[in-house]
Amino acid sequence: MVTDHTAYVAAVLDDNKEGNLTKDMEHKIAHEVRKADGSVHRVFVSTNPDFVNRMNGYVDKLQTGKPVSGLFDEFSEVVRRVFPNSR
């Protein structure tokens, strides 16, 4: 999900190993995101299962054209919880 030059990435590691995201993996993911979208300046990555599930839900809603009213407020709240120091 990209907003205002910032990407929020929900990552699923091999074998679904939550919490084993190393700084090296995070940097590699950030590099690939920036390579794919040159407008991205900041990248936040999480393996938190709730965050992954919510991001997948947002993608499903957007891809199927379902109403996304309230999506921005909900997304903002999720980001504040998962990335409290992202300001």
PDB file of N, CA and C in Angstrom:
ATOM      1  N   MET A   1       0.866  -1.158   0.000  1.00  0.00           N
ATOM      2  CA  MET A   1       0.000   0.000   0.000  1.00  0.00           C
ATOM      3  C   MET A   1       0.914   1.222   0.000  1.00  0.00           C
ATOM      4  N   VAL A   2       0.664   2.164  -0.892  1.00  0.00           N
ATOM      5  CA  VAL A   2       1.508   3.353  -0.996  1.00  0.00           C
ATOM      6  C   VAL A   2       0.659   4.597  -0.772  1.00  0.00           C
ATOM      7  N   THR A   3       1.134   5.459   0.132  1.00  0.00           N
ATOM      8  CA  THR A   3       0.492   6.743   0.377  1.00  0.00           C
ATOM      9  C   THR A   3       1.574   7.789   0.590  1.00  0.00           C
ATOM     10  N   ASP A   4       1.437   8.923  -0.063  1.00  0.00           N
ATOM     11  CA  ASP A   4       2.358  10.053   0.152  1.00  0.00           C
ATOM     12  C   ASP A   4       3.833   9.656   0.150  1.00  0.00           C
ATOM     13  N   HIS A   5       4.274   8.954  -0.854  1.00  0.00           N
ATOM     14  CA  HIS A   5       5.681   8.548  -1.011  1.00  0.00           C
ATOM     15  C   HIS A   5       6.151   7.557   0.055  1.00  0.00           C
ATOM     16  N   THR A   6       5.209   6.922   0.736  1.00  0.00           N
ATOM     17  CA  THR A   6       5.536   5.930   1.762  1.00  0.00           C
ATOM     18  C   THR A   6       4.834   4.627   1.426  1.00  0.00           C
ATOM     19  N   ALA A   7       5.583   3.519   1.460  1.00  0.00           N
ATOM     20  CA  ALA A   7       5.011   2.201   1.195  1.00  0.00           C
ATOM     21  C   ALA A   7       4.938   1.412   2.496  1.00  0.00           C
ATOM     22  N   TYR A   8       3.810   0.729   2.675  1.00  0.00           N
ATOM     23  CA  TYR A   8       3.612  -0.157   3.819  1.00  0.00           C
ATOM     24  C   TYR A   8       3.492  -1.560   3.252  1.00  0.00           C
ATOM     25  N   VAL A   9       4.436  -2.420   3.632  1.00  0.00           N
ATOM     26  CA  VAL A   9       4.534  -3.749   3.045  1.00  0.00           C
ATOM     27  C   VAL A   9       4.189  -4.809   4.075  1.00  0.00           C
ATOM     28  N   ALA A  10       3.238  -5.667   3.708  1.00  0.00           N
ATOM     29  CA  ALA A  10       2.884  -6.822   4.526  1.00  0.00           C
ATOM     30  C   ALA A  10       3.647  -8.011   3.959  1.00  0.00           C
ATOM     31  N   ALA A  11       4.620  -8.495   4.707  1.00  0.00           N
ATOM     32  CA  ALA A  11       5.492  -9.562   4.216  1.00  0.00           C
ATOM     33  C   ALA A  11       5.150 -10.892   4.881  1.00  0.00           C
ATOM     34  N   VAL A  12       5.169 -11.939   4.077  1.00  0.00           N
ATOM     35  CA  VAL A  12       4.989 -13.291   4.589  1.00  0.00           C
ATOM     36  C   VAL A  12       6.293 -14.024   4.316  1.00  0.00           C
ATOM     37  N   LEU A  13       6.940 -14.461   5.374  1.00  0.00           N
ATOM     38  CA  LEU A  13       8.227 -15.138   5.239  1.00  0.00           C
ATOM     39  C   LEU A  13       8.024 -16.614   4.962  1.00  0.00           C
ATOM     40  N   ASP A  14       9.061 -17.268   4.459  1.00  0.00           N
ATOM     41  CA  ASP A  14       8.998 -18.711   4.245  1.00  0.00           C
ATOM     42  C   ASP A  14       8.560 -19.388   5.530  1.00  0.00           C
ATOM     43  N   ASP A  15       7.690 -20.372   5.409  1.00  0.00           N
ATOM     44  CA  ASP A  15       7.172 -21.129   6.556  1.00  0.00           C
ATOM     45  C   ASP A  15       6.389 -20.252   7.526  1.00  0.00           C
ATOM     46  N   ASN A  16       5.961 -19.044   7.065  1.00  0.00           N
ATOM     47  CA  ASN A  16       5.169 -18.129   7.892  1.00  0.00           C
ATOM     48  C   ASN A  16       5.810 -17.830   9.237  1.00  0.00           C
ATOM     49  N   LYS A  17       7.116 -17.629   9.255  1.00  0.00           N
ATOM     50  CA  LYS A  17       7.853 -17.350  10.495  1.00  0.00           C
ATOM     51  C   LYS A  17       7.681 -15.881  10.877  1.00  0.00           C
ATOM     52  N   GLU A  18       6.664 -15.596  11.683  1.00  0.00           N
ATOM     53  CA  GLU A  18       6.424 -14.221  12.103  1.00  0.00           C
ATOM     54  C   GLU A  18       7.554 -13.749  13.013  1.00  0.00           C
ATOM     55  N   GLY A  19       7.934 -12.496  12.844  1.00  0.00           N
ATOM     56  CA  GLY A  19       8.906 -11.887  13.739  1.00  0.00           C
ATOM     57  C   GLY A  19      10.356 -12.162  13.404  1.00  0.00           C
ATOM     58  N   ASN A  20      10.631 -12.961  12.390  1.00  0.00           N
ATOM     59  CA  ASN A  20      12.009 -13.265  12.031  1.00  0.00           C
ATOM     60  C   ASN A  20      12.506 -12.413  10.880  1.00  0.00           C
ATOM     61  N   LEU A  21      11.930 -11.237  10.725  1.00  0.00           N
ATOM     62  CA  LEU A  21      12.339 -10.320   9.670  1.00  0.00           C
ATOM     63  C   LEU A  21      13.632  -9.626  10.094  1.00  0.00           C
ATOM     64  N   THR A  22      14.704  -9.939   9.390  1.00  0.00           N
ATOM     65  CA  THR A  22      15.990  -9.325   9.729  1.00  0.00           C
ATOM     66  C   THR A  22      16.089  -7.959   9.058  1.00  0.00           C
ATOM     67  N   LYS A  23      16.999  -7.132   9.540  1.00  0.00           N
ATOM     68  CA  LYS A  23      17.227  -5.823   8.930  1.00  0.00           C
ATOM     69  C   LYS A  23      17.669  -5.991   7.475  1.00  0.00           C
ATOM     70  N   ASP A  24      18.462  -7.024   7.200  1.00  0.00           N
ATOM     71  CA  ASP A  24      18.908  -7.277   5.836  1.00  0.00           C
ATOM     72  C   ASP A  24      17.717  -7.569   4.915  1.00  0.00           C
ATOM     73  N   MET A  25      16.787  -8.417   5.376  1.00  0.00           N
ATOM     74  CA  MET A  25      15.595  -8.719   4.584  1.00  0.00           C
ATOM     75  C   MET A  25      14.760  -7.460   4.382  1.00  0.00           C
ATOM     76  N   GLU A  26      14.628  -6.675   5.450  1.00  0.00           N
ATOM     77  CA  GLU A  26      13.847  -5.444   5.380  1.00  0.00           C
ATOM     78  C   GLU A  26      14.450  -4.486   4.345  1.00  0.00           C
ATOM     79  N   HIS A  27      15.779  -4.370   4.333  1.00  0.00           N
ATOM     80  CA  HIS A  27      16.456  -3.499   3.373  1.00  0.00           C
ATOM     81  C   HIS A  27      16.273  -4.013   1.942  1.00  0.00           C
ATOM     82  N   LYS A  28      16.329  -5.327   1.767  1.00  0.00           N
ATOM     83  CA  LYS A  28      16.135  -5.897   0.431  1.00  0.00           C
ATOM     84  C   LYS A  28      14.718  -5.638  -0.070  1.00  0.00           C
ATOM     85  N   ILE A  29      13.738  -5.814   0.809  1.00  0.00           N
ATOM     86  CA  ILE A  29      12.351  -5.548   0.432  1.00  0.00           C
ATOM     87  C   ILE A  29      12.183  -4.078   0.077  1.00  0.00           C
ATOM     88  N   ALA A  30      12.723  -3.195   0.909  1.00  0.00           N
ATOM     89  CA  ALA A  30      12.625  -1.756   0.655  1.00  0.00           C
ATOM     90  C   ALA A  30      13.270  -1.400  -0.683  1.00  0.00           C
ATOM     91  N   HIS A  31      14.403  -2.005  -0.980  1.00  0.00           N
ATOM     92  CA  HIS A  31      15.085  -1.748  -2.251  1.00  0.00           C
ATOM     93  C   HIS A  31      14.201  -2.142  -3.432  1.00  0.00           C
ATOM     94  N   GLU A  32      13.584  -3.315  -3.343  1.00  0.00           N
ATOM     95  CA  GLU A  32      12.722  -3.792  -4.426  1.00  0.00           C
ATOM     96  C   GLU A  32      11.494  -2.899  -4.589  1.00  0.00           C
ATOM     97  N   VAL A  33      10.937  -2.431  -3.483  1.00  0.00           N
ATOM     98  CA  VAL A  33       9.780  -1.536  -3.545  1.00  0.00           C
ATOM     99  C   VAL A  33      10.168  -0.233  -4.236  1.00  0.00           C
ATOM    100  N   ARG A  34      11.289   0.340  -3.836  1.00  0.00           N
ATOM    101  CA  ARG A  34      11.744   1.598  -4.451  1.00  0.00           C
ATOM    102  C   ARG A  34      12.080   1.419  -5.937  1.00  0.00           C
ATOM    103  N   LYS A  35      12.611   0.238  -6.266  1.00  0.00           N
ATOM    104  CA  LYS A  35      12.929  -0.053  -7.660  1.00  0.00           C
ATOM    105  C   LYS A  35      11.637  -0.147  -8.484  1.00  0.00           C
ATOM    106  N   ALA A  36      10.590  -0.701  -7.890  1.00  0.00           N
ATOM    107  CA  ALA A  36       9.317  -0.851  -8.592  1.00  0.00           C
ATOM    108  C   ALA A  36       8.550   0.463  -8.688  1.00  0.00           C
ATOM    109  N   ASP A  37       8.729   1.334  -7.693  1.00  0.00           N
ATOM    110  CA  ASP A  37       8.014   2.617  -7.675  1.00  0.00           C
ATOM    111  C   ASP A  37       8.970   3.702  -7.218  1.00  0.00           C
ATOM    112  N   GLY A  38       9.490   4.450  -8.174  1.00  0.00           N
ATOM    113  CA  GLY A  38      10.485   5.477  -7.879  1.00  0.00           C
ATOM    114  C   GLY A  38       9.976   6.627  -7.032  1.00  0.00           C
ATOM    115  N   SER A  39       8.654   6.745  -6.865  1.00  0.00           N
ATOM    116  CA  SER A  39       8.109   7.832  -6.046  1.00  0.00           C
ATOM    117  C   SER A  39       8.153   7.514  -4.551  1.00  0.00           C
ATOM    118  N   VAL A  40       8.468   6.257  -4.208  1.00  0.00           N
ATOM    119  CA  VAL A  40       8.501   5.843  -2.802  1.00  0.00           C
ATOM    120  C   VAL A  40       9.817   6.268  -2.168  1.00  0.00           C
ATOM    121  N   HIS A  41       9.720   6.979  -1.039  1.00  0.00           N
ATOM    122  CA  HIS A  41      10.903   7.414  -0.295  1.00  0.00           C
ATOM    123  C   HIS A  41      11.105   6.602   0.986  1.00  0.00           C
ATOM    124  N   ARG A  42      10.003   6.260   1.635  1.00  0.00           N
ATOM    125  CA  ARG A  42      10.079   5.508   2.905  1.00  0.00           C
ATOM    126  C   ARG A  42       9.324   4.204   2.752  1.00  0.00           C
ATOM    127  N   VAL A  43       9.869   3.140   3.356  1.00  0.00           N
ATOM    128  CA  VAL A  43       9.239   1.827   3.287  1.00  0.00           C
ATOM    129  C   VAL A  43       9.189   1.244   4.695  1.00  0.00           C
ATOM    130  N   PHE A  44       7.992   0.810   5.085  1.00  0.00           N
ATOM    131  CA  PHE A  44       7.801   0.136   6.363  1.00  0.00           C
ATOM    132  C   PHE A  44       7.346  -1.281   6.064  1.00  0.00           C
ATOM    133  N   VAL A  45       7.995  -2.262   6.699  1.00  0.00           N
ATOM    134  CA  VAL A  45       7.712  -3.669   6.439  1.00  0.00           C
ATOM    135  C   VAL A  45       7.294  -4.334   7.742  1.00  0.00           C
ATOM    136  N   SER A  46       6.242  -5.157   7.664  1.00  0.00           N
ATOM    137  CA  SER A  46       5.797  -5.889   8.844  1.00  0.00           C
ATOM    138  C   SER A  46       5.400  -7.308   8.463  1.00  0.00           C
ATOM    139  N   THR A  47       5.680  -8.239   9.371  1.00  0.00           N
ATOM    140  CA  THR A  47       5.238  -9.623   9.217  1.00  0.00           C
ATOM    141  C   THR A  47       4.099  -9.920  10.190  1.00  0.00           C
ATOM    142  N   ASN A  48       3.606  -8.897  10.869  1.00  0.00           N
ATOM    143  CA  ASN A  48       2.505  -9.053  11.822  1.00  0.00           C
ATOM    144  C   ASN A  48       1.308  -9.686  11.101  1.00  0.00           C
ATOM    145  N   PRO A  49       0.811 -10.832  11.590  1.00  0.00           N
ATOM    146  CA  PRO A  49      -0.275 -11.540  10.893  1.00  0.00           C
ATOM    147  C   PRO A  49      -1.542 -10.692  10.726  1.00  0.00           C
ATOM    148  N   ASP A  50      -1.877  -9.878  11.716  1.00  0.00           N
ATOM    149  CA  ASP A  50      -3.053  -9.022  11.605  1.00  0.00           C
ATOM    150  C   ASP A  50      -2.864  -8.016  10.472  1.00  0.00           C
ATOM    151  N   PHE A  51      -1.672  -7.433  10.405  1.00  0.00           N
ATOM    152  CA  PHE A  51      -1.381  -6.467   9.350  1.00  0.00           C
ATOM    153  C   PHE A  51      -1.442  -7.143   7.975  1.00  0.00           C
ATOM    154  N   VAL A  52      -0.854  -8.320   7.858  1.00  0.00           N
ATOM    155  CA  VAL A  52      -0.868  -9.064   6.590  1.00  0.00           C
ATOM    156  C   VAL A  52      -2.311  -9.358   6.177  1.00  0.00           C
ATOM    157  N   ASN A  53      -3.129  -9.832   7.115  1.00  0.00           N
ATOM    158  CA  ASN A  53      -4.522 -10.152   6.801  1.00  0.00           C
ATOM    159  C   ASN A  53      -5.300  -8.915   6.378  1.00  0.00           C
ATOM    160  N   ARG A  54      -5.088  -7.816   7.076  1.00  0.00           N
ATOM    161  CA  ARG A  54      -5.804  -6.584   6.719  1.00  0.00           C
ATOM    162  C   ARG A  54      -5.376  -6.075   5.338  1.00  0.00           C
ATOM    163  N   MET A  55      -4.084  -6.108   5.061  1.00  0.00           N
ATOM    164  CA  MET A  55      -3.619  -5.645   3.752  1.00  0.00           C
ATOM    165  C   MET A  55      -4.190  -6.531   2.640  1.00  0.00           C
ATOM    166  N   ASN A  56      -4.214  -7.836   2.871  1.00  0.00           N
ATOM    167  CA  ASN A  56      -4.804  -8.743   1.879  1.00  0.00           C
ATOM    168  C   ASN A  56      -6.282  -8.431   1.681  1.00  0.00           C
ATOM    169  N   GLY A  57      -6.976  -8.112   2.766  1.00  0.00           N
ATOM    170  CA  GLY A  57      -8.392  -7.743   2.669  1.00  0.00           C
ATOM    171  C   GLY A  57      -8.593  -6.470   1.869  1.00  0.00           C
ATOM    172  N   TYR A  58      -7.723  -5.470   2.096  1.00  0.00           N
ATOM    173  CA  TYR A  58      -7.815  -4.217   1.340  1.00  0.00           C
ATOM    174  C   TYR A  58      -7.587  -4.475  -0.146  1.00  0.00           C
ATOM    175  N   VAL A  59      -6.589  -5.277  -0.455  1.00  0.00           N
ATOM    176  CA  VAL A  59      -6.282  -5.588  -1.851  1.00  0.00           C
ATOM    177  C   VAL A  59      -7.478  -6.285  -2.497  1.00  0.00           C
ATOM    178  N   ASP A  60      -8.055  -7.254  -1.796  1.00  0.00           N
ATOM    179  CA  ASP A  60      -9.222  -7.963  -2.336  1.00  0.00           C
ATOM    180  C   ASP A  60     -10.365  -6.999  -2.631  1.00  0.00           C
ATOM    181  N   LYS A  61     -10.646  -6.101  -1.687  1.00  0.00           N
ATOM    182  CA  LYS A  61     -11.737  -5.136  -1.878  1.00  0.00           C
ATOM    183  C   LYS A  61     -11.461  -4.224  -3.070  1.00  0.00           C
ATOM    184  N   LEU A  62     -10.242  -3.723  -3.159  1.00  0.00           N
ATOM    185  CA  LEU A  62      -9.906  -2.812  -4.248  1.00  0.00           C
ATOM    186  C   LEU A  62      -9.944  -3.516  -5.595  1.00  0.00           C
ATOM    187  N   GLN A  63      -9.443  -4.747  -5.663  1.00  0.00           N
ATOM    188  CA  GLN A  63      -9.388  -5.467  -6.935  1.00  0.00           C
ATOM    189  C   GLN A  63     -10.765  -5.904  -7.418  1.00  0.00           C
ATOM    190  N   THR A  64     -11.682  -6.158  -6.483  1.00  0.00           N
ATOM    191  CA  THR A  64     -13.015  -6.617  -6.885  1.00  0.00           C
ATOM    192  C   THR A  64     -14.015  -5.480  -6.988  1.00  0.00           C
ATOM    193  N   GLY A  65     -13.554  -4.247  -6.736  1.00  0.00           N
ATOM    194  CA  GLY A  65     -14.423  -3.095  -6.879  1.00  0.00           C
ATOM    195  C   GLY A  65     -15.436  -2.927  -5.767  1.00  0.00           C
ATOM    196  N   LYS A  66     -15.228  -3.602  -4.647  1.00  0.00           N
ATOM    197  CA  LYS A  66     -16.144  -3.463  -3.516  1.00  0.00           C
ATOM    198  C   LYS A  66     -15.987  -2.087  -2.888  1.00  0.00           C
ATOM    199  N   PRO A  67     -17.055  -1.600  -2.258  1.00  0.00           N
ATOM    200  CA  PRO A  67     -16.961  -0.285  -1.611  1.00  0.00           C
ATOM    201  C   PRO A  67     -15.854  -0.263  -0.558  1.00  0.00           C
ATOM    202  N   VAL A  68     -15.119   0.807  -0.548  1.00  0.00           N
ATOM    203  CA  VAL A  68     -14.006   0.925   0.403  1.00  0.00           C
ATOM    204  C   VAL A  68     -14.206   2.133   1.322  1.00  0.00           C
ATOM    205  N   SER A  69     -15.474   2.462   1.567  1.00  0.00           N
ATOM    206  CA  SER A  69     -15.745   3.587   2.462  1.00  0.00           C
ATOM    207  C   SER A  69     -15.134   3.291   3.826  1.00  0.00           C
ATOM    208  N   GLY A  70     -14.500   4.278   4.377  1.00  0.00           N
ATOM    209  CA  GLY A  70     -13.849   4.112   5.673  1.00  0.00           C
ATOM    210  C   GLY A  70     -12.491   3.445   5.603  1.00  0.00           C
ATOM    211  N   LEU A  71     -12.073   3.036   4.408  1.00  0.00           N
ATOM    212  CA  LEU A  71     -10.800   2.328   4.265  1.00  0.00           C
ATOM    213  C   LEU A  71      -9.633   3.171   4.746  1.00  0.00           C
ATOM    214  N   PHE A  72      -9.599   4.451   4.368  1.00  0.00           N
ATOM    215  CA  PHE A  72      -8.464   5.284   4.742  1.00  0.00           C
ATOM    216  C   PHE A  72      -8.347   5.418   6.253  1.00  0.00           C
ATOM    217  N   ASP A  73      -9.467   5.662   6.940  1.00  0.00           N
ATOM    218  CA  ASP A  73      -9.424   5.796   8.399  1.00  0.00           C
ATOM    219  C   ASP A  73      -8.975   4.492   9.055  1.00  0.00           C
ATOM    220  N   GLU A  74      -9.514   3.387   8.579  1.00  0.00           N
ATOM    221  CA  GLU A  74      -9.133   2.083   9.134  1.00  0.00           C
ATOM    222  C   GLU A  74      -7.663   1.797   8.874  1.00  0.00           C
ATOM    223  N   PHE A  75      -7.212   2.055   7.640  1.00  0.00           N
ATOM    224  CA  PHE A  75      -5.811   1.837   7.286  1.00  0.00           C
ATOM    225  C   PHE A  75      -4.900   2.696   8.164  1.00  0.00           C
ATOM    226  N   SER A  76      -5.259   3.953   8.355  1.00  0.00           N
ATOM    227  CA  SER A  76      -4.456   4.858   9.187  1.00  0.00           C
ATOM    228  C   SER A  76      -4.329   4.334  10.609  1.00  0.00           C
ATOM    229  N   GLU A  77      -5.411   3.817  11.150  1.00  0.00           N
ATOM    230  CA  GLU A  77      -5.382   3.268  12.516  1.00  0.00           C
ATOM    231  C   GLU A  77      -4.489   2.030  12.590  1.00  0.00           C
ATOM    232  N   VAL A  78      -4.585   1.157  11.603  1.00  0.00           N
ATOM    233  CA  VAL A  78      -3.745  -0.047  11.565  1.00  0.00           C
ATOM    234  C   VAL A  78      -2.275   0.352  11.496  1.00  0.00           C
ATOM    235  N   VAL A  79      -1.941   1.319  10.652  1.00  0.00           N
ATOM    236  CA  VAL A  79      -0.555   1.773  10.506  1.00  0.00           C
ATOM    237  C   VAL A  79      -0.044   2.351  11.829  1.00  0.00           C
ATOM    238  N   ARG A  80      -0.880   3.129  12.506  1.00  0.00           N
ATOM    239  CA  ARG A  80      -0.459   3.697  13.811  1.00  0.00           C
ATOM    240  C   ARG A  80      -0.157   2.599  14.832  1.00  0.00           C
ATOM    241  N   ARG A  81      -0.932   1.515  14.794  1.00  0.00           N
ATOM    242  CA  ARG A  81      -0.693   0.417  15.743  1.00  0.00           C
ATOM    243  C   ARG A  81       0.540  -0.397  15.381  1.00  0.00           C
ATOM    244  N   VAL A  82       0.695  -0.728  14.111  1.00  0.00           N
ATOM    245  CA  VAL A  82       1.790  -1.604  13.673  1.00  0.00           C
ATOM    246  C   VAL A  82       3.116  -0.857  13.589  1.00  0.00           C
ATOM    247  N   PHE A  83       3.068   0.420  13.195  1.00  0.00           N
ATOM    248  CA  PHE A  83       4.280   1.225  13.049  1.00  0.00           C
ATOM    249  C   PHE A  83       4.150   2.493  13.893  1.00  0.00           C
ATOM    250  N   PRO A  84       4.159   2.367  15.219  1.00  0.00           N
ATOM    251  CA  PRO A  84       3.914   3.539  16.082  1.00  0.00           C
ATOM    252  C   PRO A  84       4.952   4.640  15.944  1.00  0.00           C
ATOM    253  N   ASN A  85       6.141   4.334  15.476  1.00  0.00           N
ATOM    254  CA  ASN A  85       7.202   5.351  15.362  1.00  0.00           C
ATOM    255  C   ASN A  85       7.403   5.816  13.929  1.00  0.00           C
ATOM    256  N   SER A  86       6.389   5.650  13.074  1.00  0.00           N
ATOM    257  CA  SER A  86       6.562   5.955  11.651  1.00  0.00           C
ATOM    258  C   SER A  86       6.394   7.417  11.306  1.00  0.00           C
ATOM    259  N   ARG A  87       6.171   8.281  12.249  1.00  0.00           N
ATOM    260  CA  ARG A  87       5.920   9.700  11.960  1.00  0.00           C
ATOM    261  C   ARG A  87       7.150  10.391  11.466  1.00  0.00           C
TER     262      ARG A  87
END
